[in-house]
Amino acid sequence: MTTPRTRESFWRRLLAGTLPLLVWSVHFAFTYGLAAAQCTPAGMRPGGPDRVLLGAATLAAIGACAWLAWRARGVPRREDAGLLDWARLVLAVLALVAVTWTGVPLLLVTGCA
């Protein structure tokens, strides 16, 4: 049994609209989870969390969000743009700001307290 074409299109468009928030949530969970795991007494690292790994994850998430925003850049010029199209653009920009804001502690934290 095959699924109707409209359902495939809907789920694809819904994923495209929510993908920026998924990128942000995975980045948030990974960076704060890794920092918390490395700052526990059993996993204490000299010098604090691995800033290179956290920085690489942050740069990868910023790149993914910037790419998603770049792909959605044509939405304001389209007359037939729907809610999911606008959500794709707005959430990509919002996720880019959120990932950047979540990565700010990497610059400030020097060790585990």
PDB file of N, CA and C in Angstrom:
ATOM      1  N   MET A   1       0.850  -1.174   0.000  1.00  0.00           N
ATOM      2  CA  MET A   1       0.000   0.000   0.000  1.00  0.00           C
ATOM      3  C   MET A   1       0.896   1.238   0.000  1.00  0.00           C
ATOM      4  N   THR A   2       0.614   2.155  -0.867  1.00  0.00           N
ATOM      5  CA  THR A   2       1.407   3.382  -0.946  1.00  0.00           C
ATOM      6  C   THR A   2       0.664   4.517  -0.256  1.00  0.00           C
ATOM      7  N   THR A   3       1.440   5.431   0.277  1.00  0.00           N
ATOM      8  CA  THR A   3       0.828   6.587   0.926  1.00  0.00           C
ATOM      9  C   THR A   3       0.520   7.651  -0.116  1.00  0.00           C
ATOM     10  N   PRO A   4      -0.528   8.394   0.087  1.00  0.00           N
ATOM     11  CA  PRO A   4      -0.858   9.457  -0.865  1.00  0.00           C
ATOM     12  C   PRO A   4       0.257  10.498  -0.936  1.00  0.00           C
ATOM     13  N   ARG A   5       0.380  11.107  -2.079  1.00  0.00           N
ATOM     14  CA  ARG A   5       1.441  12.085  -2.311  1.00  0.00           C
ATOM     15  C   ARG A   5       1.306  13.290  -1.380  1.00  0.00           C
ATOM     16  N   THR A   6       0.111  13.661  -1.017  1.00  0.00           N
ATOM     17  CA  THR A   6      -0.066  14.827  -0.139  1.00  0.00           C
ATOM     18  C   THR A   6       0.508  14.565   1.246  1.00  0.00           C
ATOM     19  N   ARG A   7       0.387  13.355   1.738  1.00  0.00           N
ATOM     20  CA  ARG A   7       0.948  13.053   3.057  1.00  0.00           C
ATOM     21  C   ARG A   7       2.470  13.096   3.025  1.00  0.00           C
ATOM     22  N   GLU A   8       3.060  12.567   1.958  1.00  0.00           N
ATOM     23  CA  GLU A   8       4.512  12.629   1.837  1.00  0.00           C
ATOM     24  C   GLU A   8       4.979  14.074   1.810  1.00  0.00           C
ATOM     25  N   SER A   9       4.296  14.881   1.075  1.00  0.00           N
ATOM     26  CA  SER A   9       4.666  16.285   0.979  1.00  0.00           C
ATOM     27  C   SER A   9       4.491  16.984   2.325  1.00  0.00           C
ATOM     28  N   PHE A  10       3.407  16.677   3.025  1.00  0.00           N
ATOM     29  CA  PHE A  10       3.168  17.306   4.321  1.00  0.00           C
ATOM     30  C   PHE A  10       4.273  16.948   5.309  1.00  0.00           C
ATOM     31  N   TRP A  11       4.619  15.672   5.416  1.00  0.00           N
ATOM     32  CA  TRP A  11       5.634  15.261   6.387  1.00  0.00           C
ATOM     33  C   TRP A  11       7.007  15.803   6.018  1.00  0.00           C
ATOM     34  N   ARG A  12       7.292  15.855   4.735  1.00  0.00           N
ATOM     35  CA  ARG A  12       8.564  16.425   4.298  1.00  0.00           C
ATOM     36  C   ARG A  12       8.625  17.909   4.631  1.00  0.00           C
ATOM     37  N   ARG A  13       7.537  18.620   4.384  1.00  0.00           N
ATOM     38  CA  ARG A  13       7.507  20.052   4.687  1.00  0.00           C
ATOM     39  C   ARG A  13       7.513  20.301   6.195  1.00  0.00           C
ATOM     40  N   LEU A  14       6.837  19.443   6.952  1.00  0.00           N
ATOM     41  CA  LEU A  14       6.850  19.592   8.409  1.00  0.00           C
ATOM     42  C   LEU A  14       8.251  19.365   8.966  1.00  0.00           C
ATOM     43  N   LEU A  15       8.959  18.374   8.471  1.00  0.00           N
ATOM     44  CA  LEU A  15      10.335  18.139   8.907  1.00  0.00           C
ATOM     45  C   LEU A  15      11.226  19.312   8.519  1.00  0.00           C
ATOM     46  N   ALA A  16      11.040  19.844   7.314  1.00  0.00           N
ATOM     47  CA  ALA A  16      11.835  20.997   6.886  1.00  0.00           C
ATOM     48  C   ALA A  16      11.555  22.204   7.773  1.00  0.00           C
ATOM     49  N   GLY A  17      10.329  22.347   8.247  1.00  0.00           N
ATOM     50  CA  GLY A  17       9.986  23.472   9.118  1.00  0.00           C
ATOM     51  C   GLY A  17      10.517  23.327  10.530  1.00  0.00           C
ATOM     52  N   THR A  18      10.604  22.107  11.012  1.00  0.00           N
ATOM     53  CA  THR A  18      11.043  21.897  12.400  1.00  0.00           C
ATOM     54  C   THR A  18      12.501  21.474  12.523  1.00  0.00           C
ATOM     55  N   LEU A  19      13.158  21.202  11.419  1.00  0.00           N
ATOM     56  CA  LEU A  19      14.553  20.754  11.459  1.00  0.00           C
ATOM     57  C   LEU A  19      15.486  21.737  12.164  1.00  0.00           C
ATOM     58  N   PRO A  20      15.342  23.051  11.987  1.00  0.00           N
ATOM     59  CA  PRO A  20      16.228  23.956  12.734  1.00  0.00           C
ATOM     60  C   PRO A  20      16.112  23.792  14.249  1.00  0.00           C
ATOM     61  N   LEU A  21      14.905  23.599  14.747  1.00  0.00           N
ATOM     62  CA  LEU A  21      14.745  23.410  16.193  1.00  0.00           C
ATOM     63  C   LEU A  21      15.297  22.062  16.642  1.00  0.00           C
ATOM     64  N   LEU A  22      15.234  21.067  15.775  1.00  0.00           N
ATOM     65  CA  LEU A  22      15.849  19.784  16.105  1.00  0.00           C
ATOM     66  C   LEU A  22      17.365  19.909  16.183  1.00  0.00           C
ATOM     67  N   VAL A  23      17.950  20.669  15.267  1.00  0.00           N
ATOM     68  CA  VAL A  23      19.398  20.908  15.300  1.00  0.00           C
ATOM     69  C   VAL A  23      19.775  21.607  16.600  1.00  0.00           C
ATOM     70  N   TRP A  24      19.021  22.638  16.972  1.00  0.00           N
ATOM     71  CA  TRP A  24      19.315  23.362  18.206  1.00  0.00           C
ATOM     72  C   TRP A  24      19.170  22.450  19.429  1.00  0.00           C
ATOM     73  N   SER A  25      18.106  21.651  19.480  1.00  0.00           N
ATOM     74  CA  SER A  25      17.891  20.816  20.666  1.00  0.00           C
ATOM     75  C   SER A  25      18.959  19.731  20.797  1.00  0.00           C
ATOM     76  N   VAL A  26      19.393  19.155  19.678  1.00  0.00           N
ATOM     77  CA  VAL A  26      20.468  18.160  19.737  1.00  0.00           C
ATOM     78  C   VAL A  26      21.769  18.827  20.180  1.00  0.00           C
ATOM     79  N   HIS A  27      22.047  20.018  19.655  1.00  0.00           N
ATOM     80  CA  HIS A  27      23.254  20.747  20.062  1.00  0.00           C
ATOM     81  C   HIS A  27      23.202  21.075  21.557  1.00  0.00           C
ATOM     82  N   PHE A  28      22.080  21.561  22.019  1.00  0.00           N
ATOM     83  CA  PHE A  28      21.924  21.926  23.428  1.00  0.00           C
ATOM     84  C   PHE A  28      22.143  20.704  24.325  1.00  0.00           C
ATOM     85  N   ALA A  29      21.476  19.608  23.993  1.00  0.00           N
ATOM     86  CA  ALA A  29      21.599  18.398  24.817  1.00  0.00           C
ATOM     87  C   ALA A  29      23.026  17.849  24.788  1.00  0.00           C
ATOM     88  N   PHE A  30      23.656  17.861  23.630  1.00  0.00           N
ATOM     89  CA  PHE A  30      25.017  17.331  23.529  1.00  0.00           C
ATOM     90  C   PHE A  30      26.011  18.183  24.296  1.00  0.00           C
ATOM     91  N   THR A  31      25.991  19.503  24.086  1.00  0.00           N
ATOM     92  CA  THR A  31      27.008  20.342  24.713  1.00  0.00           C
ATOM     93  C   THR A  31      26.847  20.391  26.222  1.00  0.00           C
ATOM     94  N   TYR A  32      25.635  20.582  26.701  1.00  0.00           N
ATOM     95  CA  TYR A  32      25.463  20.659  28.146  1.00  0.00           C
ATOM     96  C   TYR A  32      25.593  19.280  28.794  1.00  0.00           C
ATOM     97  N   GLY A  33      25.177  18.237  28.101  1.00  0.00           N
ATOM     98  CA  GLY A  33      25.365  16.879  28.628  1.00  0.00           C
ATOM     99  C   GLY A  33      26.829  16.502  28.721  1.00  0.00           C
ATOM    100  N   LEU A  34      27.605  16.840  27.692  1.00  0.00           N
ATOM    101  CA  LEU A  34      29.038  16.549  27.708  1.00  0.00           C
ATOM    102  C   LEU A  34      29.745  17.356  28.793  1.00  0.00           C
ATOM    103  N   ALA A  35      29.397  18.616  28.902  1.00  0.00           N
ATOM    104  CA  ALA A  35      30.021  19.442  29.942  1.00  0.00           C
ATOM    105  C   ALA A  35      29.673  18.924  31.331  1.00  0.00           C
ATOM    106  N   ALA A  36      28.441  18.511  31.528  1.00  0.00           N
ATOM    107  CA  ALA A  36      28.045  17.973  32.834  1.00  0.00           C
ATOM    108  C   ALA A  36      28.728  16.639  33.110  1.00  0.00           C
ATOM    109  N   ALA A  37      28.853  15.796  32.103  1.00  0.00           N
ATOM    110  CA  ALA A  37      29.495  14.495  32.301  1.00  0.00           C
ATOM    111  C   ALA A  37      30.980  14.649  32.586  1.00  0.00           C
ATOM    112  N   GLN A  38      31.629  15.619  31.960  1.00  0.00           N
ATOM    113  CA  GLN A  38      33.059  15.801  32.180  1.00  0.00           C
ATOM    114  C   GLN A  38      33.358  16.557  33.458  1.00  0.00           C
ATOM    115  N   CYS A  39      32.366  17.184  34.046  1.00  0.00           N
ATOM    116  CA  CYS A  39      32.593  17.909  35.295  1.00  0.00           C
ATOM    117  C   CYS A  39      32.097  17.148  36.516  1.00  0.00           C
ATOM    118  N   THR A  40      31.671  15.904  36.359  1.00  0.00           N
ATOM    119  CA  THR A  40      31.308  15.100  37.524  1.00  0.00           C
ATOM    120  C   THR A  40      32.588  14.647  38.218  1.00  0.00           C
ATOM    121  N   PRO A  41      32.519  14.285  39.485  1.00  0.00           N
ATOM    122  CA  PRO A  41      33.737  13.845  40.172  1.00  0.00           C
ATOM    123  C   PRO A  41      34.418  12.658  39.501  1.00  0.00           C
ATOM    124  N   ALA A  42      33.659  11.735  38.922  1.00  0.00           N
ATOM    125  CA  ALA A  42      34.273  10.572  38.271  1.00  0.00           C
ATOM    126  C   ALA A  42      34.883  10.932  36.913  1.00  0.00           C
ATOM    127  N   GLY A  43      34.366  11.946  36.284  1.00  0.00           N
ATOM    128  CA  GLY A  43      34.859  12.299  34.957  1.00  0.00           C
ATOM    129  C   GLY A  43      35.570  13.635  34.924  1.00  0.00           C
ATOM    130  N   MET A  44      36.027  14.101  36.078  1.00  0.00           N
ATOM    131  CA  MET A  44      36.674  15.413  36.155  1.00  0.00           C
ATOM    132  C   MET A  44      37.895  15.473  35.240  1.00  0.00           C
ATOM    133  N   ARG A  45      37.909  16.474  34.419  1.00  0.00           N
ATOM    134  CA  ARG A  45      39.036  16.675  33.504  1.00  0.00           C
ATOM    135  C   ARG A  45      39.842  17.866  33.994  1.00  0.00           C
ATOM    136  N   PRO A  46      41.140  17.784  33.912  1.00  0.00           N
ATOM    137  CA  PRO A  46      41.927  18.964  34.247  1.00  0.00           C
ATOM    138  C   PRO A  46      41.665  20.057  33.206  1.00  0.00           C
ATOM    139  N   GLY A  47      41.342  21.234  33.653  1.00  0.00           N
ATOM    140  CA  GLY A  47      41.062  22.340  32.742  1.00  0.00           C
ATOM    141  C   GLY A  47      39.608  22.447  32.335  1.00  0.00           C
ATOM    142  N   GLY A  48      38.759  21.570  32.827  1.00  0.00           N
ATOM    143  CA  GLY A  48      37.340  21.665  32.520  1.00  0.00           C
ATOM    144  C   GLY A  48      36.928  20.835  31.326  1.00  0.00           C
ATOM    145  N   PRO A  49      35.736  21.116  30.810  1.00  0.00           N
ATOM    146  CA  PRO A  49      35.217  20.340  29.674  1.00  0.00           C
ATOM    147  C   PRO A  49      36.092  20.504  28.434  1.00  0.00           C
ATOM    148  N   ASP A  50      35.996  19.570  27.539  1.00  0.00           N
ATOM    149  CA  ASP A  50      36.759  19.586  26.298  1.00  0.00           C
ATOM    150  C   ASP A  50      36.218  20.696  25.396  1.00  0.00           C
ATOM    151  N   ARG A  51      36.891  21.831  25.421  1.00  0.00           N
ATOM    152  CA  ARG A  51      36.405  23.002  24.686  1.00  0.00           C
ATOM    153  C   ARG A  51      36.538  22.838  23.179  1.00  0.00           C
ATOM    154  N   VAL A  52      37.484  22.038  22.728  1.00  0.00           N
ATOM    155  CA  VAL A  52      37.641  21.816  21.289  1.00  0.00           C
ATOM    156  C   VAL A  52      36.447  21.030  20.745  1.00  0.00           C
ATOM    157  N   LEU A  53      36.061  19.973  21.448  1.00  0.00           N
ATOM    158  CA  LEU A  53      34.911  19.176  21.024  1.00  0.00           C
ATOM    159  C   LEU A  53      33.621  19.993  21.088  1.00  0.00           C
ATOM    160  N   LEU A  54      33.454  20.740  22.169  1.00  0.00           N
ATOM    161  CA  LEU A  54      32.257  21.572  22.292  1.00  0.00           C
ATOM    162  C   LEU A  54      32.235  22.673  21.232  1.00  0.00           C
ATOM    163  N   GLY A  55      33.387  23.248  20.939  1.00  0.00           N
ATOM    164  CA  GLY A  55      33.458  24.278  19.905  1.00  0.00           C
ATOM    165  C   GLY A  55      33.166  23.709  18.522  1.00  0.00           C
ATOM    166  N   ALA A  56      33.670  22.510  18.246  1.00  0.00           N
ATOM    167  CA  ALA A  56      33.408  21.875  16.953  1.00  0.00           C
ATOM    168  C   ALA A  56      31.922  21.553  16.791  1.00  0.00           C
ATOM    169  N   ALA A  57      31.297  21.068  17.869  1.00  0.00           N
ATOM    170  CA  ALA A  57      29.857  20.780  17.808  1.00  0.00           C
ATOM    171  C   ALA A  57      29.058  22.063  17.597  1.00  0.00           C
ATOM    172  N   THR A  58      29.482  23.151  18.240  1.00  0.00           N
ATOM    173  CA  THR A  58      28.792  24.423  18.082  1.00  0.00           C
ATOM    174  C   THR A  58      28.954  24.966  16.667  1.00  0.00           C
ATOM    175  N   LEU A  59      30.156  24.894  16.135  1.00  0.00           N
ATOM    176  CA  LEU A  59      30.368  25.365  14.763  1.00  0.00           C
ATOM    177  C   LEU A  59      29.599  24.520  13.746  1.00  0.00           C
ATOM    178  N   ALA A  60      29.509  23.213  13.979  1.00  0.00           N
ATOM    179  CA  ALA A  60      28.733  22.352  13.085  1.00  0.00           C
ATOM    180  C   ALA A  60      27.248  22.702  13.145  1.00  0.00           C
ATOM    181  N   ALA A  61      26.733  22.959  14.344  1.00  0.00           N
ATOM    182  CA  ALA A  61      25.320  23.316  14.481  1.00  0.00           C
ATOM    183  C   ALA A  61      25.042  24.693  13.880  1.00  0.00           C
ATOM    184  N   ILE A  62      25.968  25.640  14.049  1.00  0.00           N
ATOM    185  CA  ILE A  62      25.801  26.963  13.428  1.00  0.00           C
ATOM    186  C   ILE A  62      25.807  26.822  11.907  1.00  0.00           C
ATOM    187  N   GLY A  63      26.700  25.996  11.393  1.00  0.00           N
ATOM    188  CA  GLY A  63      26.743  25.768   9.952  1.00  0.00           C
ATOM    189  C   GLY A  63      25.464  25.137   9.430  1.00  0.00           C
ATOM    190  N   ALA A  64      24.926  24.161  10.166  1.00  0.00           N
ATOM    191  CA  ALA A  64      23.677  23.519   9.744  1.00  0.00           C
ATOM    192  C   ALA A  64      22.517  24.507   9.762  1.00  0.00           C
ATOM    193  N   CYS A  65      22.426  25.318  10.804  1.00  0.00           N
ATOM    194  CA  CYS A  65      21.340  26.311  10.886  1.00  0.00           C
ATOM    195  C   CYS A  65      21.498  27.387   9.822  1.00  0.00           C
ATOM    196  N   ALA A  66      22.720  27.798   9.549  1.00  0.00           N
ATOM    197  CA  ALA A  66      22.944  28.802   8.497  1.00  0.00           C
ATOM    198  C   ALA A  66      22.579  28.228   7.131  1.00  0.00           C
ATOM    199  N   TRP A  67      22.898  26.959   6.894  1.00  0.00           N
ATOM    200  CA  TRP A  67      22.533  26.321   5.632  1.00  0.00           C
ATOM    201  C   TRP A  67      21.017  26.225   5.491  1.00  0.00           C
ATOM    202  N   LEU A  68      20.313  25.871   6.588  1.00  0.00           N
ATOM    203  CA  LEU A  68      18.855  25.790   6.537  1.00  0.00           C
ATOM    204  C   LEU A  68      18.241  27.171   6.300  1.00  0.00           C
ATOM    205  N   ALA A  69      18.812  28.202   6.899  1.00  0.00           N
ATOM    206  CA  ALA A  69      18.322  29.563   6.670  1.00  0.00           C
ATOM    207  C   ALA A  69      18.593  29.989   5.229  1.00  0.00           C
ATOM    208  N   TRP A  70      19.732  29.602   4.691  1.00  0.00           N
ATOM    209  CA  TRP A  70      20.067  29.941   3.302  1.00  0.00           C
ATOM    210  C   TRP A  70      19.082  29.284   2.328  1.00  0.00           C
ATOM    211  N   ARG A  71      18.719  28.048   2.622  1.00  0.00           N
ATOM    212  CA  ARG A  71      17.759  27.355   1.760  1.00  0.00           C
ATOM    213  C   ARG A  71      16.376  27.977   1.818  1.00  0.00           C
ATOM    214  N   ALA A  72      16.024  28.586   2.945  1.00  0.00           N
ATOM    215  CA  ALA A  72      14.688  29.172   3.112  1.00  0.00           C
ATOM    216  C   ALA A  72      14.657  30.650   2.761  1.00  0.00           C
ATOM    217  N   ARG A  73      15.714  31.203   2.227  1.00  0.00           N
ATOM    218  CA  ARG A  73      15.817  32.644   2.010  1.00  0.00           C
ATOM    219  C   ARG A  73      14.820  33.195   0.996  1.00  0.00           C
ATOM    220  N   GLY A  74      14.272  32.377   0.121  1.00  0.00           N
ATOM    221  CA  GLY A  74      13.367  32.859  -0.916  1.00  0.00           C
ATOM    222  C   GLY A  74      11.919  32.983  -0.481  1.00  0.00           C
ATOM    223  N   VAL A  75      11.595  32.626   0.736  1.00  0.00           N
ATOM    224  CA  VAL A  75      10.203  32.635   1.194  1.00  0.00           C
ATOM    225  C   VAL A  75       9.560  34.021   1.129  1.00  0.00           C
ATOM    226  N   PRO A  76      10.216  35.105   1.549  1.00  0.00           N
ATOM    227  CA  PRO A  76       9.525  36.407   1.519  1.00  0.00           C
ATOM    228  C   PRO A  76       9.143  36.872   0.115  1.00  0.00           C
ATOM    229  N   ARG A  77       9.810  36.388  -0.912  1.00  0.00           N
ATOM    230  CA  ARG A  77       9.502  36.825  -2.275  1.00  0.00           C
ATOM    231  C   ARG A  77       8.393  36.011  -2.923  1.00  0.00           C
ATOM    232  N   ARG A  78       8.023  34.891  -2.321  1.00  0.00           N
ATOM    233  CA  ARG A  78       6.995  34.034  -2.920  1.00  0.00           C
ATOM    234  C   ARG A  78       5.613  34.459  -2.470  1.00  0.00           C
ATOM    235  N   GLU A  79       4.687  34.502  -3.410  1.00  0.00           N
ATOM    236  CA  GLU A  79       3.312  34.860  -3.062  1.00  0.00           C
ATOM    237  C   GLU A  79       2.524  33.667  -2.537  1.00  0.00           C
ATOM    238  N   ASP A  80       2.921  32.461  -2.893  1.00  0.00           N
ATOM    239  CA  ASP A  80       2.192  31.268  -2.468  1.00  0.00           C
ATOM    240  C   ASP A  80       2.793  30.618  -1.217  1.00  0.00           C
ATOM    241  N   ALA A  81       3.622  31.352  -0.490  1.00  0.00           N
ATOM    242  CA  ALA A  81       4.262  30.797   0.711  1.00  0.00           C
ATOM    243  C   ALA A  81       3.218  30.598   1.801  1.00  0.00           C
ATOM    244  N   GLY A  82       3.224  29.400   2.365  1.00  0.00           N
ATOM    245  CA  GLY A  82       2.289  29.067   3.439  1.00  0.00           C
ATOM    246  C   GLY A  82       2.948  29.185   4.804  1.00  0.00           C
ATOM    247  N   LEU A  83       2.208  28.755   5.804  1.00  0.00           N
ATOM    248  CA  LEU A  83       2.689  28.849   7.181  1.00  0.00           C
ATOM    249  C   LEU A  83       3.954  28.030   7.400  1.00  0.00           C
ATOM    250  N   LEU A  84       4.008  26.827   6.859  1.00  0.00           N
ATOM    251  CA  LEU A  84       5.197  25.998   7.044  1.00  0.00           C
ATOM    252  C   LEU A  84       6.418  26.605   6.355  1.00  0.00           C
ATOM    253  N   ASP A  85       6.207  27.296   5.234  1.00  0.00           N
ATOM    254  CA  ASP A  85       7.328  27.953   4.562  1.00  0.00           C
ATOM    255  C   ASP A  85       7.881  29.089   5.417  1.00  0.00           C
ATOM    256  N   TRP A  86       6.981  29.873   5.987  1.00  0.00           N
ATOM    257  CA  TRP A  86       7.425  30.966   6.858  1.00  0.00           C
ATOM    258  C   TRP A  86       8.054  30.421   8.139  1.00  0.00           C
ATOM    259  N   ALA A  87       7.495  29.343   8.668  1.00  0.00           N
ATOM    260  CA  ALA A  87       8.066  28.731   9.873  1.00  0.00           C
ATOM    261  C   ALA A  87       9.473  28.233   9.589  1.00  0.00           C
ATOM    262  N   ARG A  88       9.676  27.707   8.390  1.00  0.00           N
ATOM    263  CA  ARG A  88      11.005  27.236   8.012  1.00  0.00           C
ATOM    264  C   ARG A  88      12.028  28.359   8.061  1.00  0.00           C
ATOM    265  N   LEU A  89      11.672  29.512   7.551  1.00  0.00           N
ATOM    266  CA  LEU A  89      12.582  30.656   7.544  1.00  0.00           C
ATOM    267  C   LEU A  89      12.793  31.217   8.950  1.00  0.00           C
ATOM    268  N   VAL A  90      11.701  31.472   9.643  1.00  0.00           N
ATOM    269  CA  VAL A  90      11.795  32.095  10.972  1.00  0.00           C
ATOM    270  C   VAL A  90      12.497  31.175  11.962  1.00  0.00           C
ATOM    271  N   LEU A  91      12.172  29.891  11.937  1.00  0.00           N
ATOM    272  CA  LEU A  91      12.800  28.963  12.880  1.00  0.00           C
ATOM    273  C   LEU A  91      14.265  28.717  12.556  1.00  0.00           C
ATOM    274  N   ALA A  92      14.639  28.814  11.296  1.00  0.00           N
ATOM    275  CA  ALA A  92      16.063  28.673  10.951  1.00  0.00           C
ATOM    276  C   ALA A  92      16.865  29.834  11.520  1.00  0.00           C
ATOM    277  N   VAL A  93      16.337  31.046  11.402  1.00  0.00           N
ATOM    278  CA  VAL A  93      17.031  32.211  11.967  1.00  0.00           C
ATOM    279  C   VAL A  93      17.028  32.136  13.493  1.00  0.00           C
ATOM    280  N   LEU A  94      15.897  31.759  14.070  1.00  0.00           N
ATOM    281  CA  LEU A  94      15.806  31.628  15.525  1.00  0.00           C
ATOM    282  C   LEU A  94      16.767  30.563  16.049  1.00  0.00           C
ATOM    283  N   ALA A  95      16.863  29.437  15.367  1.00  0.00           N
ATOM    284  CA  ALA A  95      17.779  28.378  15.798  1.00  0.00           C
ATOM    285  C   ALA A  95      19.230  28.818  15.653  1.00  0.00           C
ATOM    286  N   LEU A  96      19.536  29.600  14.632  1.00  0.00           N
ATOM    287  CA  LEU A  96      20.898  30.119  14.465  1.00  0.00           C
ATOM    288  C   LEU A  96      21.275  31.004  15.643  1.00  0.00           C
ATOM    289  N   VAL A  97      20.368  31.862  16.055  1.00  0.00           N
ATOM    290  CA  VAL A  97      20.610  32.721  17.224  1.00  0.00           C
ATOM    291  C   VAL A  97      20.702  31.875  18.495  1.00  0.00           C
ATOM    292  N   ALA A  98      19.831  30.877  18.623  1.00  0.00           N
ATOM    293  CA  ALA A  98      19.818  30.042  19.832  1.00  0.00           C
ATOM    294  C   ALA A  98      21.091  29.220  19.963  1.00  0.00           C
ATOM    295  N   VAL A  99      21.573  28.662  18.867  1.00  0.00           N
ATOM    296  CA  VAL A  99      22.816  27.879  18.925  1.00  0.00           C
ATOM    297  C   VAL A  99      23.989  28.786  19.272  1.00  0.00           C
ATOM    298  N   THR A 100      24.016  29.970  18.687  1.00  0.00           N
ATOM    299  CA  THR A 100      25.082  30.921  19.010  1.00  0.00           C
ATOM    300  C   THR A 100      25.024  31.304  20.482  1.00  0.00           C
ATOM    301  N   TRP A 101      23.835  31.576  20.983  1.00  0.00           N
ATOM    302  CA  TRP A 101      23.667  31.955  22.390  1.00  0.00           C
ATOM    303  C   TRP A 101      24.037  30.796  23.317  1.00  0.00           C
ATOM    304  N   THR A 102      23.700  29.589  22.929  1.00  0.00           N
ATOM    305  CA  THR A 102      24.047  28.416  23.737  1.00  0.00           C
ATOM    306  C   THR A 102      25.552  28.178  23.745  1.00  0.00           C
ATOM    307  N   GLY A 103      26.231  28.580  22.691  1.00  0.00           N
ATOM    308  CA  GLY A 103      27.674  28.394  22.614  1.00  0.00           C
ATOM    309  C   GLY A 103      28.480  29.455  23.329  1.00  0.00           C
ATOM    310  N   VAL A 104      27.854  30.536  23.776  1.00  0.00           N
ATOM    311  CA  VAL A 104      28.570  31.613  24.464  1.00  0.00           C
ATOM    312  C   VAL A 104      29.291  31.124  25.727  1.00  0.00           C
ATOM    313  N   PRO A 105      28.705  30.238  26.540  1.00  0.00           N
ATOM    314  CA  PRO A 105      29.434  29.782  27.730  1.00  0.00           C
ATOM    315  C   PRO A 105      30.761  29.102  27.423  1.00  0.00           C
ATOM    316  N   LEU A 106      30.931  28.592  26.203  1.00  0.00           N
ATOM    317  CA  LEU A 106      32.218  27.991  25.848  1.00  0.00           C
ATOM    318  C   LEU A 106      33.342  29.008  25.942  1.00  0.00           C
ATOM    319  N   LEU A 107      33.027  30.263  25.650  1.00  0.00           N
ATOM    320  CA  LEU A 107      34.030  31.309  25.726  1.00  0.00           C
ATOM    321  C   LEU A 107      34.284  31.762  27.158  1.00  0.00           C
ATOM    322  N   LEU A 108      33.321  31.544  28.041  1.00  0.00           N
ATOM    323  CA  LEU A 108      33.407  32.082  29.391  1.00  0.00           C
ATOM    324  C   LEU A 108      33.878  31.076  30.431  1.00  0.00           C
ATOM    325  N   VAL A 109      33.536  29.802  30.244  1.00  0.00           N
ATOM    326  CA  VAL A 109      33.856  28.792  31.243  1.00  0.00           C
ATOM    327  C   VAL A 109      35.272  28.288  31.037  1.00  0.00           C
ATOM    328  N   THR A 110      36.066  28.391  32.084  1.00  0.00           N
ATOM    329  CA  THR A 110      37.455  27.938  31.981  1.00  0.00           C
ATOM    330  C   THR A 110      37.680  26.612  32.683  1.00  0.00           C
ATOM    331  N   GLY A 111      36.793  26.206  33.555  1.00  0.00           N
ATOM    332  CA  GLY A 111      36.978  24.934  34.245  1.00  0.00           C
ATOM    333  C   GLY A 111      35.733  24.554  34.995  1.00  0.00           C
ATOM    334  N   CYS A 112      35.809  23.405  35.635  1.00  0.00           N
ATOM    335  CA  CYS A 112      34.690  22.921  36.441  1.00  0.00           C
ATOM    336  C   CYS A 112      34.797  23.519  37.849  1.00  0.00           C
ATOM    337  N   ALA A 113      33.715  24.054  38.325  1.00  0.00           N
ATOM    338  CA  ALA A 113      33.733  24.666  39.659  1.00  0.00           C
ATOM    339  C   ALA A 113      33.176  23.710  40.696  1.00  0.00           C
TER     340      ALA A 113
END
